[in-house]
Amino acid sequence: MLHRLERLRTALLADEKVLHEIATLYPSVDLQHLRSLRRAALKEQEQGKPPRSYRAIFQLLKEIGDETSGVPADNAA
């Protein structure tokens, strides 16, 4: 599952159209927040800054995935 989330994050950074795929997979996702994290992550990469938004995207996708699978985020491994 984690590898799938990593691939999804990479695809999102490569193409903003992946947002629609994420919205289909995870209807509860806040697309505006995810879009702003994407922009911030791309800017961080461009400027050579620490990947805080890049990691935040992964955490957001992981939390949403945990919600849809019925596994509480605190108990996810």
PDB file of N, CA and C in Angstrom:
ATOM      1  N   MET A   1       0.820  -1.186   0.000  1.00  0.00           N
ATOM      2  CA  MET A   1       0.000   0.000   0.000  1.00  0.00           C
ATOM      3  C   MET A   1       0.872   1.261   0.000  1.00  0.00           C
ATOM      4  N   LEU A   2       1.947   1.248   0.767  1.00  0.00           N
ATOM      5  CA  LEU A   2       2.809   2.429   0.832  1.00  0.00           C
ATOM      6  C   LEU A   2       3.462   2.712  -0.509  1.00  0.00           C
ATOM      7  N   HIS A   3       3.845   1.665  -1.219  1.00  0.00           N
ATOM      8  CA  HIS A   3       4.445   1.857  -2.544  1.00  0.00           C
ATOM      9  C   HIS A   3       3.429   2.456  -3.515  1.00  0.00           C
ATOM     10  N   ARG A   4       2.176   2.023  -3.379  1.00  0.00           N
ATOM     11  CA  ARG A   4       1.125   2.577  -4.238  1.00  0.00           C
ATOM     12  C   ARG A   4       0.943   4.069  -3.952  1.00  0.00           C
ATOM     13  N   LEU A   5       0.992   4.442  -2.678  1.00  0.00           N
ATOM     14  CA  LEU A   5       0.867   5.851  -2.313  1.00  0.00           C
ATOM     15  C   LEU A   5       2.052   6.665  -2.825  1.00  0.00           C
ATOM     16  N   GLU A   6       3.239   6.083  -2.762  1.00  0.00           N
ATOM     17  CA  GLU A   6       4.425   6.774  -3.281  1.00  0.00           C
ATOM     18  C   GLU A   6       4.304   6.999  -4.789  1.00  0.00           C
ATOM     19  N   ARG A   7       3.823   5.986  -5.504  1.00  0.00           N
ATOM     20  CA  ARG A   7       3.640   6.131  -6.958  1.00  0.00           C
ATOM     21  C   ARG A   7       2.581   7.181  -7.270  1.00  0.00           C
ATOM     22  N   LEU A   8       1.514   7.195  -6.474  1.00  0.00           N
ATOM     23  CA  LEU A   8       0.457   8.181  -6.662  1.00  0.00           C
ATOM     24  C   LEU A   8       0.983   9.592  -6.419  1.00  0.00           C
ATOM     25  N   ARG A   9       1.793   9.753  -5.375  1.00  0.00           N
ATOM     26  CA  ARG A   9       2.388  11.059  -5.080  1.00  0.00           C
ATOM     27  C   ARG A   9       3.310  11.506  -6.220  1.00  0.00           C
ATOM     28  N   THR A  10       4.130  10.596  -6.720  1.00  0.00           N
ATOM     29  CA  THR A  10       5.034  10.916  -7.825  1.00  0.00           C
ATOM     30  C   THR A  10       4.244  11.316  -9.070  1.00  0.00           C
ATOM     31  N   ALA A  11       3.183  10.580  -9.342  1.00  0.00           N
ATOM     32  CA  ALA A  11       2.344  10.892 -10.502  1.00  0.00           C
ATOM     33  C   ALA A  11       1.681  12.257 -10.333  1.00  0.00           C
ATOM     34  N   LEU A  12       1.246  12.558  -9.118  1.00  0.00           N
ATOM     35  CA  LEU A  12       0.618  13.855  -8.849  1.00  0.00           C
ATOM     36  C   LEU A  12       1.592  14.996  -9.098  1.00  0.00           C
ATOM     37  N   LEU A  13       2.819  14.832  -8.663  1.00  0.00           N
ATOM     38  CA  LEU A  13       3.804  15.893  -8.875  1.00  0.00           C
ATOM     39  C   LEU A  13       4.130  16.055 -10.358  1.00  0.00           C
ATOM     40  N   ALA A  14       4.062  14.971 -11.101  1.00  0.00           N
ATOM     41  CA  ALA A  14       4.368  15.033 -12.530  1.00  0.00           C
ATOM     42  C   ALA A  14       3.218  15.622 -13.339  1.00  0.00           C
ATOM     43  N   ASP A  15       1.969  15.413 -12.887  1.00  0.00           N
ATOM     44  CA  ASP A  15       0.813  15.846 -13.673  1.00  0.00           C
ATOM     45  C   ASP A  15      -0.355  16.183 -12.744  1.00  0.00           C
ATOM     46  N   GLU A  16      -0.821  17.414 -12.798  1.00  0.00           N
ATOM     47  CA  GLU A  16      -1.908  17.867 -11.928  1.00  0.00           C
ATOM     48  C   GLU A  16      -3.219  17.144 -12.229  1.00  0.00           C
ATOM     49  N   LYS A  17      -3.350  16.563 -13.413  1.00  0.00           N
ATOM     50  CA  LYS A  17      -4.572  15.848 -13.775  1.00  0.00           C
ATOM     51  C   LYS A  17      -4.809  14.630 -12.884  1.00  0.00           C
ATOM     52  N   VAL A  18      -3.775  14.173 -12.198  1.00  0.00           N
ATOM     53  CA  VAL A  18      -3.893  13.026 -11.286  1.00  0.00           C
ATOM     54  C   VAL A  18      -4.807  13.383 -10.109  1.00  0.00           C
ATOM     55  N   LEU A  19      -5.017  14.676  -9.861  1.00  0.00           N
ATOM     56  CA  LEU A  19      -5.926  15.095  -8.797  1.00  0.00           C
ATOM     57  C   LEU A  19      -7.309  14.484  -8.995  1.00  0.00           C
ATOM     58  N   HIS A  20      -7.764  14.395 -10.237  1.00  0.00           N
ATOM     59  CA  HIS A  20      -9.082  13.828 -10.516  1.00  0.00           C
ATOM     60  C   HIS A  20      -9.117  12.332 -10.192  1.00  0.00           C
ATOM     61  N   GLU A  21      -8.016  11.653 -10.458  1.00  0.00           N
ATOM     62  CA  GLU A  21      -7.914  10.237 -10.103  1.00  0.00           C
ATOM     63  C   GLU A  21      -7.967  10.067  -8.583  1.00  0.00           C
ATOM     64  N   ILE A  22      -7.263  10.933  -7.879  1.00  0.00           N
ATOM     65  CA  ILE A  22      -7.257  10.878  -6.414  1.00  0.00           C
ATOM     66  C   ILE A  22      -8.658  11.172  -5.877  1.00  0.00           C
ATOM     67  N   ALA A  23      -9.342  12.144  -6.480  1.00  0.00           N
ATOM     68  CA  ALA A  23     -10.699  12.479  -6.046  1.00  0.00           C
ATOM     69  C   ALA A  23     -11.642  11.296  -6.251  1.00  0.00           C
ATOM     70  N   THR A  24     -11.412  10.519  -7.301  1.00  0.00           N
ATOM     71  CA  THR A  24     -12.231   9.337  -7.554  1.00  0.00           C
ATOM     72  C   THR A  24     -11.935   8.247  -6.520  1.00  0.00           C
ATOM     73  N   LEU A  25     -10.647   8.044  -6.232  1.00  0.00           N
ATOM     74  CA  LEU A  25     -10.252   7.019  -5.268  1.00  0.00           C
ATOM     75  C   LEU A  25     -10.644   7.392  -3.842  1.00  0.00           C
ATOM     76  N   TYR A  26     -10.491   8.678  -3.515  1.00  0.00           N
ATOM     77  CA  TYR A  26     -10.718   9.159  -2.150  1.00  0.00           C
ATOM     78  C   TYR A  26     -11.670  10.356  -2.188  1.00  0.00           C
ATOM     79  N   PRO A  27     -12.976  10.116  -2.229  1.00  0.00           N
ATOM     80  CA  PRO A  27     -13.943  11.220  -2.340  1.00  0.00           C
ATOM     81  C   PRO A  27     -13.876  12.235  -1.205  1.00  0.00           C
ATOM     82  N   SER A  28     -13.343  11.857  -0.064  1.00  0.00           N
ATOM     83  CA  SER A  28     -13.305  12.773   1.082  1.00  0.00           C
ATOM     84  C   SER A  28     -12.108  13.721   1.058  1.00  0.00           C
ATOM     85  N   VAL A  29     -11.229  13.594   0.064  1.00  0.00           N
ATOM     86  CA  VAL A  29     -10.012  14.405   0.018  1.00  0.00           C
ATOM     87  C   VAL A  29     -10.343  15.880  -0.238  1.00  0.00           C
ATOM     88  N   ASP A  30      -9.591  16.744   0.408  1.00  0.00           N
ATOM     89  CA  ASP A  30      -9.706  18.190   0.190  1.00  0.00           C
ATOM     90  C   ASP A  30      -8.792  18.532  -0.985  1.00  0.00           C
ATOM     91  N   LEU A  31      -9.376  18.631  -2.176  1.00  0.00           N
ATOM     92  CA  LEU A  31      -8.577  18.847  -3.382  1.00  0.00           C
ATOM     93  C   LEU A  31      -7.837  20.173  -3.366  1.00  0.00           C
ATOM     94  N   GLN A  32      -8.444  21.183  -2.795  1.00  0.00           N
ATOM     95  CA  GLN A  32      -7.784  22.490  -2.744  1.00  0.00           C
ATOM     96  C   GLN A  32      -6.518  22.409  -1.889  1.00  0.00           C
ATOM     97  N   HIS A  33      -6.599  21.727  -0.765  1.00  0.00           N
ATOM     98  CA  HIS A  33      -5.428  21.570   0.107  1.00  0.00           C
ATOM     99  C   HIS A  33      -4.350  20.741  -0.598  1.00  0.00           C
ATOM    100  N   LEU A  34      -4.767  19.664  -1.243  1.00  0.00           N
ATOM    101  CA  LEU A  34      -3.822  18.810  -1.947  1.00  0.00           C
ATOM    102  C   LEU A  34      -3.153  19.562  -3.097  1.00  0.00           C
ATOM    103  N   ARG A  35      -3.917  20.372  -3.793  1.00  0.00           N
ATOM    104  CA  ARG A  35      -3.368  21.179  -4.890  1.00  0.00           C
ATOM    105  C   ARG A  35      -2.331  22.173  -4.371  1.00  0.00           C
ATOM    106  N   SER A  36      -2.611  22.783  -3.213  1.00  0.00           N
ATOM    107  CA  SER A  36      -1.650  23.750  -2.654  1.00  0.00           C
ATOM    108  C   SER A  36      -0.391  23.036  -2.156  1.00  0.00           C
ATOM    109  N   LEU A  37      -0.551  21.821  -1.598  1.00  0.00           N
ATOM    110  CA  LEU A  37       0.621  21.045  -1.191  1.00  0.00           C
ATOM    111  C   LEU A  37       1.462  20.680  -2.411  1.00  0.00           C
ATOM    112  N   ARG A  38       0.812  20.349  -3.506  1.00  0.00           N
ATOM    113  CA  ARG A  38       1.529  20.006  -4.741  1.00  0.00           C
ATOM    114  C   ARG A  38       2.367  21.197  -5.215  1.00  0.00           C
ATOM    115  N   ARG A  39       1.739  22.370  -5.254  1.00  0.00           N
ATOM    116  CA  ARG A  39       2.472  23.571  -5.689  1.00  0.00           C
ATOM    117  C   ARG A  39       3.656  23.849  -4.771  1.00  0.00           C
ATOM    118  N   ALA A  40       3.437  23.716  -3.461  1.00  0.00           N
ATOM    119  CA  ALA A  40       4.511  23.966  -2.503  1.00  0.00           C
ATOM    120  C   ALA A  40       5.632  22.935  -2.650  1.00  0.00           C
ATOM    121  N   ALA A  41       5.280  21.675  -2.883  1.00  0.00           N
ATOM    122  CA  ALA A  41       6.294  20.629  -3.050  1.00  0.00           C
ATOM    123  C   ALA A  41       7.139  20.875  -4.294  1.00  0.00           C
ATOM    124  N   LEU A  42       6.493  21.275  -5.376  1.00  0.00           N
ATOM    125  CA  LEU A  42       7.243  21.569  -6.600  1.00  0.00           C
ATOM    126  C   LEU A  42       8.174  22.760  -6.395  1.00  0.00           C
ATOM    127  N   LYS A  43       7.706  23.749  -5.665  1.00  0.00           N
ATOM    128  CA  LYS A  43       8.531  24.926  -5.385  1.00  0.00           C
ATOM    129  C   LYS A  43       9.719  24.550  -4.502  1.00  0.00           C
ATOM    130  N   GLU A  44       9.478  23.690  -3.505  1.00  0.00           N
ATOM    131  CA  GLU A  44      10.562  23.237  -2.631  1.00  0.00           C
ATOM    132  C   GLU A  44      11.627  22.493  -3.438  1.00  0.00           C
ATOM    133  N   GLN A  45      11.190  21.623  -4.332  1.00  0.00           N
ATOM    134  CA  GLN A  45      12.136  20.882  -5.171  1.00  0.00           C
ATOM    135  C   GLN A  45      12.953  21.831  -6.041  1.00  0.00           C
ATOM    136  N   GLU A  46      12.268  22.793  -6.610  1.00  0.00           N
ATOM    137  CA  GLU A  46      12.915  23.761  -7.500  1.00  0.00           C
ATOM    138  C   GLU A  46      13.974  24.584  -6.763  1.00  0.00           C
ATOM    139  N   GLN A  47      13.686  24.921  -5.506  1.00  0.00           N
ATOM    140  CA  GLN A  47      14.578  25.768  -4.724  1.00  0.00           C
ATOM    141  C   GLN A  47      15.551  24.974  -3.858  1.00  0.00           C
ATOM    142  N   GLY A  48      15.469  23.648  -3.913  1.00  0.00           N
ATOM    143  CA  GLY A  48      16.376  22.816  -3.130  1.00  0.00           C
ATOM    144  C   GLY A  48      16.126  22.864  -1.639  1.00  0.00           C
ATOM    145  N   LYS A  49      14.886  23.142  -1.252  1.00  0.00           N
ATOM    146  CA  LYS A  49      14.527  23.211   0.163  1.00  0.00           C
ATOM    147  C   LYS A  49      14.136  21.829   0.670  1.00  0.00           C
ATOM    148  N   PRO A  50      14.078  21.665   1.996  1.00  0.00           N
ATOM    149  CA  PRO A  50      13.638  20.380   2.559  1.00  0.00           C
ATOM    150  C   PRO A  50      12.231  20.025   2.070  1.00  0.00           C
ATOM    151  N   PRO A  51      11.979  18.741   1.839  1.00  0.00           N
ATOM    152  CA  PRO A  51      10.714  18.305   1.222  1.00  0.00           C
ATOM    153  C   PRO A  51       9.537  18.195   2.194  1.00  0.00           C
ATOM    154  N   ARG A  52       9.212  19.257   2.883  1.00  0.00           N
ATOM    155  CA  ARG A  52       8.130  19.210   3.871  1.00  0.00           C
ATOM    156  C   ARG A  52       6.776  18.962   3.219  1.00  0.00           C
ATOM    157  N   SER A  53       6.462  19.674   2.157  1.00  0.00           N
ATOM    158  CA  SER A  53       5.172  19.498   1.485  1.00  0.00           C
ATOM    159  C   SER A  53       5.108  18.157   0.778  1.00  0.00           C
ATOM    160  N   TYR A  54       6.241  17.714   0.254  1.00  0.00           N
ATOM    161  CA  TYR A  54       6.333  16.406  -0.399  1.00  0.00           C
ATOM    162  C   TYR A  54       5.926  15.315   0.596  1.00  0.00           C
ATOM    163  N   ARG A  55       6.423  15.414   1.802  1.00  0.00           N
ATOM    164  CA  ARG A  55       6.074  14.443   2.850  1.00  0.00           C
ATOM    165  C   ARG A  55       4.622  14.619   3.291  1.00  0.00           C
ATOM    166  N   ALA A  56       4.164  15.866   3.344  1.00  0.00           N
ATOM    167  CA  ALA A  56       2.793  16.139   3.765  1.00  0.00           C
ATOM    168  C   ALA A  56       1.790  15.531   2.782  1.00  0.00           C
ATOM    169  N   ILE A  57       2.121  15.530   1.499  1.00  0.00           N
ATOM    170  CA  ILE A  57       1.248  14.905   0.502  1.00  0.00           C
ATOM    171  C   ILE A  57       1.108  13.419   0.820  1.00  0.00           C
ATOM    172  N   PHE A  58       2.226  12.770   1.095  1.00  0.00           N
ATOM    173  CA  PHE A  58       2.196  11.336   1.403  1.00  0.00           C
ATOM    174  C   PHE A  58       1.346  11.079   2.645  1.00  0.00           C
ATOM    175  N   GLN A  59       1.551  11.876   3.690  1.00  0.00           N
ATOM    176  CA  GLN A  59       0.794  11.691   4.928  1.00  0.00           C
ATOM    177  C   GLN A  59      -0.703  11.894   4.690  1.00  0.00           C
ATOM    178  N   LEU A  60      -1.054  12.892   3.899  1.00  0.00           N
ATOM    179  CA  LEU A  60      -2.455  13.153   3.589  1.00  0.00           C
ATOM    180  C   LEU A  60      -3.067  11.965   2.850  1.00  0.00           C
ATOM    181  N   LEU A  61      -2.382  11.462   1.843  1.00  0.00           N
ATOM    182  CA  LEU A  61      -2.875  10.307   1.093  1.00  0.00           C
ATOM    183  C   LEU A  61      -2.988   9.078   1.997  1.00  0.00           C
ATOM    184  N   LYS A  62      -2.030   8.914   2.886  1.00  0.00           N
ATOM    185  CA  LYS A  62      -2.040   7.773   3.801  1.00  0.00           C
ATOM    186  C   LYS A  62      -3.230   7.860   4.757  1.00  0.00           C
ATOM    187  N   GLU A  63      -3.474   9.043   5.316  1.00  0.00           N
ATOM    188  CA  GLU A  63      -4.594   9.231   6.232  1.00  0.00           C
ATOM    189  C   GLU A  63      -5.918   8.975   5.529  1.00  0.00           C
ATOM    190  N   ILE A  64      -6.060   9.476   4.327  1.00  0.00           N
ATOM    191  CA  ILE A  64      -7.294   9.284   3.575  1.00  0.00           C
ATOM    192  C   ILE A  64      -7.475   7.812   3.235  1.00  0.00           C
ATOM    193  N   GLY A  65      -6.386   7.152   2.862  1.00  0.00           N
ATOM    194  CA  GLY A  65      -6.441   5.725   2.572  1.00  0.00           C
ATOM    195  C   GLY A  65      -6.832   4.923   3.792  1.00  0.00           C
ATOM    196  N   ASP A  66      -6.331   5.316   4.962  1.00  0.00           N
ATOM    197  CA  ASP A  66      -6.681   4.640   6.204  1.00  0.00           C
ATOM    198  C   ASP A  66      -8.159   4.832   6.528  1.00  0.00           C
ATOM    199  N   GLU A  67      -8.690   6.032   6.266  1.00  0.00           N
ATOM    200  CA  GLU A  67     -10.099   6.315   6.523  1.00  0.00           C
ATOM    201  C   GLU A  67     -10.984   5.446   5.635  1.00  0.00           C
ATOM    202  N   THR A  68     -10.638   5.326   4.374  1.00  0.00           N
ATOM    203  CA  THR A  68     -11.477   4.578   3.451  1.00  0.00           C
ATOM    204  C   THR A  68     -11.369   3.073   3.661  1.00  0.00           C
ATOM    205  N   SER A  69     -10.269   2.615   4.231  1.00  0.00           N
ATOM    206  CA  SER A  69     -10.115   1.177   4.485  1.00  0.00           C
ATOM    207  C   SER A  69     -10.680   0.775   5.847  1.00  0.00           C
ATOM    208  N   GLY A  70     -11.083   1.761   6.659  1.00  0.00           N
ATOM    209  CA  GLY A  70     -11.639   1.467   7.963  1.00  0.00           C
ATOM    210  C   GLY A  70     -10.594   1.269   9.044  1.00  0.00           C
ATOM    211  N   VAL A  71      -9.347   1.525   8.743  1.00  0.00           N
ATOM    212  CA  VAL A  71      -8.270   1.373   9.727  1.00  0.00           C
ATOM    213  C   VAL A  71      -7.978   2.742  10.324  1.00  0.00           C
ATOM    214  N   PRO A  72      -8.076   2.890  11.634  1.00  0.00           N
ATOM    215  CA  PRO A  72      -7.741   4.186  12.244  1.00  0.00           C
ATOM    216  C   PRO A  72      -6.304   4.566  11.955  1.00  0.00           C
ATOM    217  N   ALA A  73      -6.058   5.837  11.680  1.00  0.00           N
ATOM    218  CA  ALA A  73      -4.727   6.312  11.317  1.00  0.00           C
ATOM    219  C   ALA A  73      -3.694   6.012  12.405  1.00  0.00           C
ATOM    220  N   ASP A  74      -4.116   6.023  13.679  1.00  0.00           N
ATOM    221  CA  ASP A  74      -3.183   5.764  14.775  1.00  0.00           C
ATOM    222  C   ASP A  74      -2.688   4.324  14.786  1.00  0.00           C
ATOM    223  N   ASN A  75      -3.478   3.402  14.274  1.00  0.00           N
ATOM    224  CA  ASN A  75      -3.114   1.988  14.311  1.00  0.00           C
ATOM    225  C   ASN A  75      -2.490   1.502  13.013  1.00  0.00           C
ATOM    226  N   ALA A  76      -2.387   2.370  12.030  1.00  0.00           N
ATOM    227  CA  ALA A  76      -1.817   1.965  10.725  1.00  0.00           C
ATOM    228  C   ALA A  76      -0.333   1.732  10.867  1.00  0.00           C
ATOM    229  N   ALA A  77       0.145   0.718  10.164  1.00  0.00           N
ATOM    230  CA  ALA A  77       1.581   0.419  10.237  1.00  0.00           C
ATOM    231  C   ALA A  77       2.296   0.957   9.042  1.00  0.00           C
TER     232      ALA A  77
END
